[in-house]
Protein backbone atom coordinates (compact mmCIF):
# COMPACT_ATOMS: atom_id res chain seq x y z
CA UNK A 1 69.03 76.60 128.19
CA UNK A 2 70.85 79.18 130.07
CA UNK A 3 68.87 82.48 131.42
CA UNK A 4 70.70 84.54 129.03
CA UNK A 5 69.74 82.17 126.21
CA UNK A 6 66.34 82.46 127.15
CA UNK A 7 66.30 86.02 127.54
CA UNK A 8 67.66 86.71 124.04
CA UNK A 9 65.26 84.04 122.46
CA UNK A 10 62.05 85.72 123.79
CA UNK A 11 63.36 89.41 123.48
CA UNK A 12 64.53 89.12 119.83
CA UNK A 13 65.52 91.18 118.14
CA UNK A 14 66.89 92.82 121.02
CA UNK A 15 70.47 91.67 121.78
CA UNK A 16 71.32 91.10 125.56
CA UNK A 17 74.97 90.73 126.55
CA UNK A 18 76.32 89.35 129.70
CA UNK A 19 78.39 91.77 132.08
CA UNK A 20 81.11 89.22 131.77
CA UNK A 21 81.36 90.06 128.08
CA UNK A 22 83.97 92.33 126.12
CA UNK A 23 80.86 94.60 125.21
CA UNK A 24 80.65 95.64 129.12
CA UNK A 25 84.14 97.21 129.19
CA UNK A 26 82.82 100.46 127.97
CA UNK A 27 80.47 100.81 130.80
CA UNK A 28 81.91 99.07 133.80
CA UNK A 29 83.64 96.13 135.19
CA UNK A 30 82.81 92.79 136.87
CA UNK A 31 84.47 92.58 140.50
CA UNK A 32 84.92 88.94 140.69
CA UNK A 33 86.93 88.65 144.12
CA UNK A 34 84.08 89.73 146.61
CA UNK A 35 82.14 87.18 148.42
CA UNK A 36 78.54 88.21 148.40
CA UNK A 37 76.79 85.20 149.98
CA UNK A 38 76.03 86.54 153.36
CA UNK A 39 74.83 89.88 152.27
CA UNK A 40 72.52 88.34 149.75
CA UNK A 41 71.47 86.04 151.73
CA UNK A 42 70.44 88.58 154.54
CA UNK A 43 68.99 91.05 151.61
CA UNK A 44 66.69 88.10 150.40
CA UNK A 45 65.53 87.36 154.04
CA UNK A 46 64.84 90.93 155.15
CA UNK A 47 63.99 92.89 151.97
CA UNK A 48 60.61 92.47 150.25
CA UNK A 49 60.41 93.05 146.47
CA UNK A 50 57.44 95.21 145.57
CA UNK A 51 54.38 93.64 143.81
CA UNK A 52 54.28 96.75 141.64
CA UNK A 53 56.52 99.49 140.94
CA UNK A 54 60.17 99.89 142.02
CA UNK A 55 61.41 100.66 145.59
CA UNK A 56 64.85 102.56 146.13
CA UNK A 57 66.27 103.40 149.58
CA UNK A 58 69.53 104.80 149.63
CA UNK A 59 71.03 103.76 152.80
CA UNK A 60 70.45 100.82 154.96
CA UNK A 61 72.40 100.47 158.34
CA UNK A 62 72.08 96.60 158.33
CA UNK A 63 73.54 96.55 154.50
CA UNK A 64 76.35 99.02 155.35
CA UNK A 65 77.60 97.03 158.45
CA UNK A 66 78.60 93.93 156.13
CA UNK A 67 82.31 93.32 155.60
CA UNK A 68 81.89 93.24 151.96
CA UNK A 69 80.61 97.09 151.79
CA UNK A 70 83.93 98.25 153.81
CA UNK A 71 85.97 96.23 151.38
CA UNK A 72 84.17 97.83 148.39
CA UNK A 73 84.59 101.27 150.08
CA UNK A 74 88.31 100.60 150.48
CA UNK A 75 89.12 99.21 146.92
CA UNK A 76 86.59 101.01 144.63
CA UNK A 77 86.24 104.31 146.40
CA UNK A 78 89.58 104.84 147.86
CA UNK A 79 87.98 105.23 151.74
CA UNK A 80 85.84 107.95 150.68
CA UNK A 81 82.36 108.01 152.42
CA UNK A 82 79.87 105.97 150.75
CA UNK A 83 76.37 104.85 151.11
CA UNK A 84 74.66 101.37 150.64
CA UNK A 85 70.95 100.63 150.24
CA UNK A 86 68.85 98.66 147.75
CA UNK A 87 66.79 98.80 144.73
CA UNK A 88 63.86 96.35 144.23
CA UNK A 89 60.79 95.92 142.01
CA UNK A 90 59.14 94.89 139.03
CA UNK A 91 60.51 96.94 136.20
CA UNK A 92 60.49 95.80 132.76
CA UNK A 93 61.56 98.73 130.67
CA UNK A 94 63.66 101.67 129.77
CA UNK A 95 61.81 105.16 131.03
CA UNK A 96 64.68 107.04 131.90
CA UNK A 97 68.12 107.25 132.25
CA UNK A 98 70.54 109.05 135.02
CA UNK A 99 74.29 109.02 135.88
CA UNK A 100 76.28 110.31 138.90
CA UNK A 101 79.60 111.80 139.77
CA UNK A 102 81.33 108.75 141.16
CA UNK A 103 80.89 104.93 140.23
CA UNK A 104 77.83 102.90 141.25
CA UNK A 105 78.44 99.58 142.49
CA UNK A 106 75.56 97.08 142.03
CA UNK A 107 75.41 93.71 143.98
CA UNK A 108 72.68 91.38 142.24
CA UNK A 109 70.82 89.29 144.86
CA UNK A 110 68.60 88.14 142.01
CA UNK A 111 69.31 87.95 138.40
CA UNK A 112 68.64 91.23 136.68
CA UNK A 113 69.13 93.36 133.38
CA UNK A 114 70.59 96.70 132.98
CA UNK A 115 69.82 99.37 130.16
CA UNK A 116 73.12 101.44 129.70
CA UNK A 117 74.38 104.18 127.65
CA UNK A 118 77.37 106.70 127.42
CA UNK A 119 77.14 110.25 128.90
CA UNK A 120 79.23 111.25 126.03
CA UNK A 121 76.41 110.56 123.76
CA UNK A 122 73.97 113.08 125.53
CA UNK A 123 73.84 116.08 123.16
CA UNK A 124 71.81 119.44 124.38
CA UNK A 125 70.68 117.34 127.16
CA UNK A 126 69.07 114.85 124.87
CA UNK A 127 69.82 111.22 124.53
CA UNK A 128 68.58 108.84 121.86
CA UNK A 129 67.71 105.26 123.15
CA UNK A 130 68.99 103.66 119.94
CA UNK A 131 72.26 104.18 121.58
CA UNK A 132 71.61 101.86 124.62
CA UNK A 133 72.86 98.40 125.10
CA UNK A 134 71.42 95.73 127.35
CA UNK A 135 73.32 93.65 129.81
CA UNK A 136 72.21 90.45 132.00
CA UNK A 137 73.97 90.44 135.51
CA UNK A 138 73.35 87.03 137.14
CA UNK A 139 72.59 86.81 141.03
CA UNK A 140 75.50 87.17 143.53
CA UNK A 141 77.86 89.10 141.13
CA UNK A 142 79.13 92.43 141.47
CA UNK A 143 79.69 95.10 139.00
CA UNK A 144 80.84 98.77 139.02
CA UNK A 145 79.13 101.16 136.54
CA UNK A 146 81.47 104.10 135.72
CA UNK A 147 80.44 107.61 136.23
CA UNK A 148 80.22 108.07 132.54
CA UNK A 149 77.82 105.13 132.30
CA UNK A 150 74.05 106.07 131.93
CA UNK A 151 71.65 103.55 133.77
CA UNK A 152 68.46 103.40 135.80
CA UNK A 153 66.47 100.88 137.73
CA UNK A 154 67.28 97.27 136.64
CA UNK A 155 64.74 95.19 135.03
CA UNK A 156 63.36 91.74 136.45
CA UNK A 157 64.33 88.50 134.52
CA UNK A 158 61.47 86.43 136.11
CA UNK A 159 58.13 87.03 137.74
CA UNK A 160 59.51 87.37 141.10
CA UNK A 161 61.10 90.65 140.35
CA UNK A 162 64.67 92.15 140.96
CA UNK A 163 66.42 92.84 144.09
CA UNK A 164 69.85 94.73 144.17
CA UNK A 165 72.17 96.26 146.59
CA UNK A 166 73.21 99.81 145.41
CA UNK A 167 76.53 101.57 146.68
CA UNK A 168 77.13 105.17 145.65
CA UNK A 169 79.16 108.12 147.17
CA UNK A 170 77.63 109.45 150.31
CA UNK A 171 74.82 111.84 149.78
CA UNK A 172 73.71 110.61 146.41
CA UNK A 173 69.99 111.05 145.70
CA UNK A 174 69.36 113.19 148.52
CA UNK A 175 67.14 116.25 148.34
CA UNK A 176 68.59 119.22 146.48
CA UNK A 177 69.64 122.45 148.66
CA UNK A 178 67.20 125.32 147.69
CA UNK A 179 68.37 128.68 146.73
CA UNK A 180 69.98 130.64 143.73
CA UNK A 181 72.08 128.75 141.57
CA UNK A 182 71.20 125.36 143.13
CA UNK A 183 70.21 123.76 139.90
CA UNK A 184 72.34 124.94 137.04
CA UNK A 185 72.13 121.63 135.32
CA UNK A 186 68.66 120.91 133.95
CA UNK A 187 69.29 117.16 134.50
CA UNK A 188 70.11 117.66 138.19
CA UNK A 189 67.02 116.20 140.36
CA UNK A 190 68.69 115.22 143.52
CA UNK A 191 72.08 115.51 144.78
CA UNK A 192 74.50 114.02 142.42
CA UNK A 193 71.64 112.59 140.37
CA UNK A 194 71.47 113.75 136.93
CA UNK A 195 68.15 112.12 135.36
CA UNK A 196 66.39 112.52 131.95
CA UNK A 197 63.04 110.67 131.36
CA UNK A 198 61.07 109.86 128.38
CA UNK A 199 58.11 112.22 127.31
CA UNK A 200 55.56 109.44 128.46
CA UNK A 201 56.58 109.73 132.01
CA UNK A 202 54.24 112.50 132.75
CA UNK A 203 54.24 112.44 136.50
CA UNK A 204 57.94 112.88 136.90
CA UNK A 205 58.00 115.57 134.09
CA UNK A 206 55.32 117.46 136.13
CA UNK A 207 57.54 117.13 139.11
CA UNK A 208 60.56 118.76 137.32
CA UNK A 209 62.59 115.94 135.69
CA UNK A 210 63.86 116.73 132.23
CA UNK A 211 62.14 114.76 129.30
CA UNK A 212 65.42 114.40 127.34
CA UNK A 213 65.12 110.61 126.69
CA UNK A 214 63.87 110.40 122.91
CA UNK A 215 63.28 107.27 120.69
CA UNK A 216 61.79 103.97 120.87
CA UNK A 217 60.94 102.87 124.64
CA UNK A 218 62.56 99.20 124.93
CA UNK A 219 61.09 96.53 127.15
CA UNK A 220 62.31 93.32 128.53
CA UNK A 221 60.11 90.12 128.60
CA UNK A 222 60.81 87.91 131.52
CA UNK A 223 61.39 84.28 131.18
């Protein structure tokens, strides 16, 4: 039985699509012509997946030196400055959603699952989790998530955890500048990071993140 079939079996009635499916076209696209083998091999050998929680590093020079990153900078971002880092961990659920101005490219070093939604469905800085769709991304694939796509940390598919290479416009997720008018949007938490979390995420809310995600919290059971 394929991984996607097992995921749907253990997570029913939640429906998990593949990033190759027609349903994904509203949120992004699968980039099939990039050779990820060397990059994902290096990532697996040099990046440790945390035993608990998630770890995100926006920029890693060793990753940014790979030719595939320069190809993506040219073909996807039109030669604009970018950064390439990683996100890894043991996440299993939807606790928040974010978006950026500019696409996010995700290279899967392991299988992973994404919760996604549409920026257009945000009303009064709030979003209902009932609008979320779920997608499985197989390892060694590359997807572009459009700037209108809500997303957050991926979810693991098995007990090992997940590891993804994350490419974004340069400066994204850096600390905000201080001063008058530096945060006119209540979702703005870092540079080019517009984030809302569920009311259960008390630590993030105490740190200033907007509690705009409402509805049922969704979880993925690994296989």
